[in-house]
């Protein structure tokens, strides 16, 4: 099976517009039909589209692209847990606003990417 690329966009309310996120995801190369959208709060991860993406769609070797770290959650502990789950699933997460997550490393150097990203996510997560 081929590795696939998916996108996830979230806005907090039905009145908010996700167009900026969708534009960034498609510009990065995510097919429109592979973008899941939620219009729900980021206070936790119990969002219908997100859970469907995680439990039913994403498979080992796939890539998940999001515009910003807080699209996963507004809670630092949730973000760390979700990123760890994706890692355990074998799903690569690319965050458009964190350029180091977009860099591909040879398998023997992936630890460098993981270390840099863990530090960045720790720092950025402190702002939520």
N, C-alpha and C. Protein backbone atom coordinates (compact mmCIF):
# COMPACT_ATOMS: atom_id res chain seq x y z
N UNK A 1 0.83 -1.18 0.00
CA UNK A 1 0.00 0.00 0.00
C UNK A 1 0.88 1.25 0.00
N UNK A 2 0.49 2.24 -0.75
CA UNK A 2 1.25 3.49 -0.83
C UNK A 2 1.07 4.33 0.43
N UNK A 3 2.11 5.09 0.75
CA UNK A 3 1.99 6.06 1.84
C UNK A 3 1.15 7.22 1.34
N UNK A 4 0.25 7.66 2.18
CA UNK A 4 -0.68 8.71 1.79
C UNK A 4 -0.46 9.96 2.63
N UNK A 5 -0.98 11.07 2.14
CA UNK A 5 -0.87 12.34 2.85
C UNK A 5 -2.29 12.85 3.13
N UNK A 6 -2.49 13.26 4.38
CA UNK A 6 -3.77 13.80 4.82
C UNK A 6 -3.54 15.13 5.50
N UNK A 7 -4.58 15.92 5.52
CA UNK A 7 -4.54 17.20 6.22
C UNK A 7 -5.64 17.27 7.24
N UNK A 8 -5.42 18.06 8.26
CA UNK A 8 -6.44 18.29 9.28
C UNK A 8 -6.53 19.78 9.53
N UNK A 9 -7.75 20.30 9.49
CA UNK A 9 -8.01 21.71 9.77
C UNK A 9 -9.08 21.78 10.86
N UNK A 10 -8.94 22.76 11.74
CA UNK A 10 -9.92 22.94 12.81
C UNK A 10 -10.12 24.42 13.07
N UNK A 11 -11.38 24.80 13.19
CA UNK A 11 -11.74 26.12 13.70
C UNK A 11 -12.64 25.88 14.90
N UNK A 12 -12.68 26.84 15.80
CA UNK A 12 -13.37 26.62 17.07
C UNK A 12 -14.89 26.73 16.99
N UNK A 13 -15.39 27.53 16.07
CA UNK A 13 -16.84 27.71 15.97
C UNK A 13 -17.30 27.60 14.53
N UNK A 14 -18.58 27.38 14.35
CA UNK A 14 -19.16 27.27 13.00
C UNK A 14 -19.04 28.60 12.25
N UNK A 15 -18.95 29.70 12.97
CA UNK A 15 -18.85 31.01 12.34
C UNK A 15 -17.46 31.29 11.79
N UNK A 16 -16.45 30.62 12.32
CA UNK A 16 -15.09 30.85 11.86
C UNK A 16 -14.85 30.16 10.52
N UNK A 17 -13.88 30.67 9.79
CA UNK A 17 -13.62 30.17 8.45
C UNK A 17 -12.27 29.45 8.40
N UNK A 18 -12.29 28.27 7.81
CA UNK A 18 -11.07 27.46 7.74
C UNK A 18 -10.30 27.64 6.43
N UNK A 19 -10.69 28.61 5.60
CA UNK A 19 -10.09 28.78 4.28
C UNK A 19 -8.57 28.97 4.31
N UNK A 20 -8.06 29.72 5.27
CA UNK A 20 -6.61 29.96 5.37
C UNK A 20 -5.87 28.64 5.58
N UNK A 21 -6.40 27.79 6.43
CA UNK A 21 -5.78 26.49 6.68
C UNK A 21 -5.86 25.61 5.43
N UNK A 22 -7.04 25.58 4.80
CA UNK A 22 -7.22 24.74 3.60
C UNK A 22 -6.28 25.17 2.49
N UNK A 23 -6.13 26.48 2.30
CA UNK A 23 -5.22 26.98 1.27
C UNK A 23 -3.79 26.54 1.54
N UNK A 24 -3.36 26.64 2.79
CA UNK A 24 -1.99 26.24 3.15
C UNK A 24 -1.78 24.74 2.95
N UNK A 25 -2.77 23.95 3.33
CA UNK A 25 -2.65 22.49 3.20
C UNK A 25 -2.60 22.07 1.73
N UNK A 26 -3.47 22.63 0.91
CA UNK A 26 -3.48 22.24 -0.51
C UNK A 26 -2.22 22.77 -1.21
N UNK A 27 -1.77 23.95 -0.83
CA UNK A 27 -0.54 24.49 -1.41
C UNK A 27 0.65 23.59 -1.08
N UNK A 28 0.63 22.97 0.09
CA UNK A 28 1.70 22.06 0.49
C UNK A 28 1.63 20.74 -0.27
N UNK A 29 0.46 20.44 -0.83
CA UNK A 29 0.33 19.22 -1.62
C UNK A 29 -0.67 18.21 -1.11
N UNK A 30 -1.46 18.58 -0.11
CA UNK A 30 -2.48 17.68 0.41
C UNK A 30 -3.70 17.76 -0.52
N UNK A 31 -4.14 16.63 -1.10
CA UNK A 31 -5.33 16.67 -1.94
C UNK A 31 -6.56 17.11 -1.12
N UNK A 32 -7.40 17.95 -1.73
CA UNK A 32 -8.58 18.46 -1.01
C UNK A 32 -9.42 17.34 -0.41
N UNK A 33 -9.56 16.24 -1.14
CA UNK A 33 -10.40 15.14 -0.65
C UNK A 33 -9.77 14.42 0.54
N UNK A 34 -8.52 14.72 0.84
CA UNK A 34 -7.83 14.10 1.98
C UNK A 34 -7.72 15.04 3.18
N UNK A 35 -8.50 16.11 3.18
CA UNK A 35 -8.46 17.05 4.30
C UNK A 35 -9.73 16.86 5.14
N UNK A 36 -9.53 16.63 6.41
CA UNK A 36 -10.63 16.48 7.37
C UNK A 36 -10.75 17.81 8.11
N UNK A 37 -11.99 18.29 8.25
CA UNK A 37 -12.25 19.59 8.90
C UNK A 37 -13.18 19.39 10.08
N UNK A 38 -12.82 20.01 11.19
CA UNK A 38 -13.70 20.06 12.36
C UNK A 38 -14.00 21.52 12.66
N UNK A 39 -15.23 21.76 13.07
CA UNK A 39 -15.62 23.07 13.60
C UNK A 39 -16.00 22.81 15.05
N UNK A 40 -14.96 22.77 15.88
CA UNK A 40 -15.13 22.42 17.28
C UNK A 40 -13.97 22.99 18.08
N UNK A 41 -14.19 23.16 19.35
CA UNK A 41 -13.18 23.70 20.25
C UNK A 41 -11.95 22.79 20.31
N UNK A 42 -10.81 23.41 20.57
CA UNK A 42 -9.57 22.66 20.74
C UNK A 42 -9.28 22.35 22.19
N UNK A 43 -10.30 22.46 23.06
CA UNK A 43 -10.09 22.22 24.49
C UNK A 43 -9.71 20.78 24.79
N UNK A 44 -10.10 19.86 23.90
CA UNK A 44 -9.69 18.46 24.03
C UNK A 44 -9.63 17.85 22.64
N UNK A 45 -9.36 16.57 22.56
CA UNK A 45 -9.20 15.93 21.25
C UNK A 45 -10.43 15.13 20.82
N UNK A 46 -11.51 15.22 21.57
CA UNK A 46 -12.72 14.47 21.25
C UNK A 46 -13.56 15.23 20.21
N UNK A 47 -13.02 15.26 19.01
CA UNK A 47 -13.71 15.91 17.89
C UNK A 47 -13.98 14.84 16.84
N UNK A 48 -15.18 14.86 16.28
CA UNK A 48 -15.63 13.79 15.39
C UNK A 48 -14.67 13.54 14.23
N UNK A 49 -14.34 14.57 13.48
CA UNK A 49 -13.47 14.40 12.32
C UNK A 49 -12.08 13.95 12.70
N UNK A 50 -11.55 14.53 13.74
CA UNK A 50 -10.20 14.20 14.19
C UNK A 50 -10.12 12.74 14.64
N UNK A 51 -11.08 12.31 15.43
CA UNK A 51 -11.07 10.92 15.89
C UNK A 51 -11.25 9.94 14.74
N UNK A 52 -12.10 10.30 13.78
CA UNK A 52 -12.28 9.45 12.60
C UNK A 52 -10.95 9.34 11.82
N UNK A 53 -10.29 10.47 11.65
CA UNK A 53 -8.99 10.50 10.96
C UNK A 53 -8.01 9.58 11.67
N UNK A 54 -7.91 9.72 12.97
CA UNK A 54 -6.96 8.95 13.76
C UNK A 54 -7.28 7.45 13.79
N UNK A 55 -8.54 7.13 13.96
CA UNK A 55 -8.92 5.73 14.19
C UNK A 55 -9.24 4.94 12.92
N UNK A 56 -9.69 5.64 11.88
CA UNK A 56 -10.18 4.93 10.70
C UNK A 56 -9.36 5.16 9.43
N UNK A 57 -8.68 6.28 9.35
CA UNK A 57 -8.03 6.64 8.08
C UNK A 57 -6.53 6.44 8.10
N UNK A 58 -5.86 7.07 9.06
CA UNK A 58 -4.39 7.06 9.07
C UNK A 58 -3.83 5.67 9.33
N UNK A 59 -2.80 5.33 8.56
CA UNK A 59 -2.12 4.04 8.67
C UNK A 59 -0.61 4.27 8.73
N UNK A 60 0.11 3.26 9.15
CA UNK A 60 1.56 3.33 9.22
C UNK A 60 2.12 3.78 7.87
N UNK A 61 3.03 4.75 7.91
CA UNK A 61 3.65 5.28 6.70
C UNK A 61 2.96 6.52 6.15
N UNK A 62 1.76 6.82 6.65
CA UNK A 62 1.04 8.01 6.19
C UNK A 62 1.65 9.27 6.81
N UNK A 63 1.30 10.40 6.21
CA UNK A 63 1.72 11.70 6.73
C UNK A 63 0.48 12.53 7.03
N UNK A 64 0.47 13.17 8.18
CA UNK A 64 -0.59 14.10 8.57
C UNK A 64 0.00 15.50 8.57
N UNK A 65 -0.66 16.41 7.86
CA UNK A 65 -0.20 17.80 7.78
C UNK A 65 -1.23 18.69 8.46
N UNK A 66 -0.74 19.56 9.34
CA UNK A 66 -1.60 20.57 9.96
C UNK A 66 -0.93 21.93 9.81
N UNK A 67 -1.72 22.99 9.84
CA UNK A 67 -1.17 24.34 9.66
C UNK A 67 -0.40 24.78 10.89
N UNK A 68 -1.00 24.59 12.07
CA UNK A 68 -0.41 25.09 13.31
C UNK A 68 -0.54 24.02 14.40
N UNK A 69 0.36 24.04 15.34
CA UNK A 69 0.37 23.06 16.42
C UNK A 69 -0.94 23.05 17.20
N UNK A 70 -1.54 24.21 17.42
CA UNK A 70 -2.76 24.26 18.23
C UNK A 70 -4.00 23.75 17.51
N UNK A 71 -3.85 23.33 16.26
CA UNK A 71 -4.99 22.69 15.58
C UNK A 71 -5.25 21.31 16.18
N UNK A 72 -4.21 20.69 16.75
CA UNK A 72 -4.40 19.40 17.42
C UNK A 72 -5.16 19.58 18.73
N UNK A 73 -4.75 20.56 19.51
CA UNK A 73 -5.37 20.83 20.80
C UNK A 73 -4.84 22.15 21.34
N UNK A 74 -5.53 22.69 22.30
CA UNK A 74 -5.06 23.88 23.00
C UNK A 74 -4.37 23.50 24.31
N UNK A 75 -4.25 22.21 24.56
CA UNK A 75 -3.70 21.71 25.81
C UNK A 75 -2.35 21.05 25.53
N UNK A 76 -1.32 21.53 26.20
CA UNK A 76 0.04 21.04 25.96
C UNK A 76 0.16 19.54 26.20
N UNK A 77 -0.44 19.03 27.27
CA UNK A 77 -0.37 17.59 27.56
C UNK A 77 -1.05 16.78 26.45
N UNK A 78 -2.19 17.27 25.96
CA UNK A 78 -2.88 16.59 24.85
C UNK A 78 -2.01 16.57 23.60
N UNK A 79 -1.37 17.69 23.29
CA UNK A 79 -0.53 17.78 22.10
C UNK A 79 0.60 16.75 22.18
N UNK A 80 1.26 16.72 23.31
CA UNK A 80 2.37 15.78 23.47
C UNK A 80 1.88 14.34 23.34
N UNK A 81 0.75 14.03 23.96
CA UNK A 81 0.19 12.67 23.89
C UNK A 81 -0.18 12.31 22.45
N UNK A 82 -0.83 13.23 21.75
CA UNK A 82 -1.24 12.96 20.37
C UNK A 82 -0.03 12.74 19.47
N UNK A 83 0.98 13.57 19.61
CA UNK A 83 2.18 13.41 18.78
C UNK A 83 2.87 12.08 19.08
N UNK A 84 2.88 11.68 20.34
CA UNK A 84 3.47 10.39 20.70
C UNK A 84 2.65 9.24 20.10
N UNK A 85 1.34 9.36 20.11
CA UNK A 85 0.50 8.32 19.51
C UNK A 85 0.74 8.21 18.01
N UNK A 86 0.86 9.34 17.34
CA UNK A 86 1.15 9.30 15.90
C UNK A 86 2.50 8.63 15.64
N UNK A 87 3.47 8.96 16.46
CA UNK A 87 4.79 8.34 16.31
C UNK A 87 4.68 6.82 16.48
N UNK A 88 3.94 6.39 17.51
CA UNK A 88 3.75 4.96 17.75
C UNK A 88 3.00 4.28 16.60
N UNK A 89 2.11 5.02 15.96
CA UNK A 89 1.34 4.48 14.82
C UNK A 89 2.19 4.42 13.55
N UNK A 90 3.33 5.13 13.56
CA UNK A 90 4.15 5.20 12.35
C UNK A 90 3.65 6.27 11.38
N UNK A 91 2.93 7.27 11.92
CA UNK A 91 2.41 8.37 11.11
C UNK A 91 3.29 9.59 11.32
N UNK A 92 3.77 10.15 10.24
CA UNK A 92 4.62 11.36 10.29
C UNK A 92 3.71 12.57 10.37
N UNK A 93 3.99 13.48 11.29
CA UNK A 93 3.22 14.71 11.43
C UNK A 93 4.08 15.87 10.95
N UNK A 94 3.52 16.64 10.02
CA UNK A 94 4.19 17.83 9.53
C UNK A 94 3.33 19.03 9.90
N UNK A 95 3.98 20.00 10.55
CA UNK A 95 3.29 21.21 10.99
C UNK A 95 3.84 22.37 10.19
N UNK A 96 3.00 22.96 9.37
CA UNK A 96 3.48 23.97 8.42
C UNK A 96 4.15 25.15 9.09
N UNK A 97 3.71 25.51 10.28
CA UNK A 97 4.31 26.65 10.98
C UNK A 97 5.57 26.28 11.78
N UNK A 98 5.97 25.00 11.73
CA UNK A 98 7.21 24.57 12.37
C UNK A 98 8.06 23.91 11.29
N UNK A 99 8.88 24.70 10.60
CA UNK A 99 9.61 24.21 9.43
C UNK A 99 10.46 22.97 9.66
N UNK A 100 10.99 22.77 10.86
CA UNK A 100 11.82 21.58 11.08
C UNK A 100 11.01 20.30 10.95
N UNK A 101 9.69 20.37 11.13
CA UNK A 101 8.87 19.16 10.98
C UNK A 101 8.68 18.80 9.51
N UNK A 102 9.03 19.71 8.62
CA UNK A 102 8.86 19.49 7.19
C UNK A 102 10.09 18.87 6.55
N UNK A 103 11.20 18.86 7.28
CA UNK A 103 12.47 18.36 6.76
C UNK A 103 12.51 16.84 6.82
N UNK A 104 12.95 16.22 5.74
CA UNK A 104 13.12 14.77 5.72
C UNK A 104 14.56 14.43 6.05
N UNK A 105 14.73 13.52 6.97
CA UNK A 105 16.05 13.06 7.39
C UNK A 105 16.22 11.61 6.97
N UNK A 106 17.44 11.17 6.73
CA UNK A 106 17.66 9.74 6.50
C UNK A 106 17.26 8.98 7.77
N UNK A 107 16.81 7.73 7.62
CA UNK A 107 16.35 6.97 8.78
C UNK A 107 17.32 6.96 9.96
N UNK A 108 18.61 6.88 9.69
CA UNK A 108 19.58 6.81 10.79
C UNK A 108 19.75 8.15 11.51
N UNK A 109 19.19 9.23 10.97
CA UNK A 109 19.29 10.54 11.60
C UNK A 109 17.94 11.08 12.06
N UNK A 110 16.90 10.26 12.03
CA UNK A 110 15.58 10.73 12.44
C UNK A 110 15.56 11.19 13.89
N UNK A 111 16.46 10.66 14.71
CA UNK A 111 16.52 11.07 16.11
C UNK A 111 16.81 12.57 16.23
N UNK A 112 17.56 13.12 15.27
CA UNK A 112 17.86 14.55 15.29
C UNK A 112 16.57 15.34 15.12
N UNK A 113 15.77 14.95 14.14
CA UNK A 113 14.49 15.61 13.89
C UNK A 113 13.59 15.50 15.12
N UNK A 114 13.52 14.31 15.70
CA UNK A 114 12.67 14.11 16.87
C UNK A 114 13.11 14.99 18.04
N UNK A 115 14.42 15.11 18.25
CA UNK A 115 14.93 15.92 19.35
C UNK A 115 14.61 17.40 19.13
N UNK A 116 14.89 17.90 17.94
CA UNK A 116 14.62 19.32 17.64
C UNK A 116 13.14 19.61 17.77
N UNK A 117 12.32 18.75 17.20
CA UNK A 117 10.88 18.98 17.24
C UNK A 117 10.33 18.89 18.66
N UNK A 118 10.86 17.97 19.47
CA UNK A 118 10.41 17.86 20.86
C UNK A 118 10.70 19.15 21.62
N UNK A 119 11.87 19.73 21.39
CA UNK A 119 12.21 21.00 22.05
C UNK A 119 11.29 22.11 21.58
N UNK A 120 11.11 22.22 20.28
CA UNK A 120 10.24 23.27 19.74
C UNK A 120 8.81 23.14 20.25
N UNK A 121 8.30 21.93 20.25
CA UNK A 121 6.92 21.70 20.68
C UNK A 121 6.78 22.00 22.18
N UNK A 122 7.80 21.66 22.95
CA UNK A 122 7.78 21.97 24.38
C UNK A 122 7.70 23.48 24.59
N UNK A 123 8.50 24.23 23.87
CA UNK A 123 8.52 25.69 23.99
C UNK A 123 7.20 26.29 23.48
N UNK A 124 6.80 25.89 22.28
CA UNK A 124 5.57 26.44 21.71
C UNK A 124 4.35 26.02 22.50
N UNK A 125 4.35 24.81 23.04
CA UNK A 125 3.22 24.34 23.83
C UNK A 125 3.04 25.13 25.10
N UNK A 126 4.08 25.77 25.59
CA UNK A 126 3.98 26.57 26.81
C UNK A 126 3.10 27.80 26.63
N UNK A 127 2.83 28.15 25.39
CA UNK A 127 2.02 29.34 25.12
C UNK A 127 0.52 29.06 25.15
N UNK A 128 0.13 27.80 25.26
CA UNK A 128 -1.30 27.47 25.26
C UNK A 128 -1.88 27.49 26.64
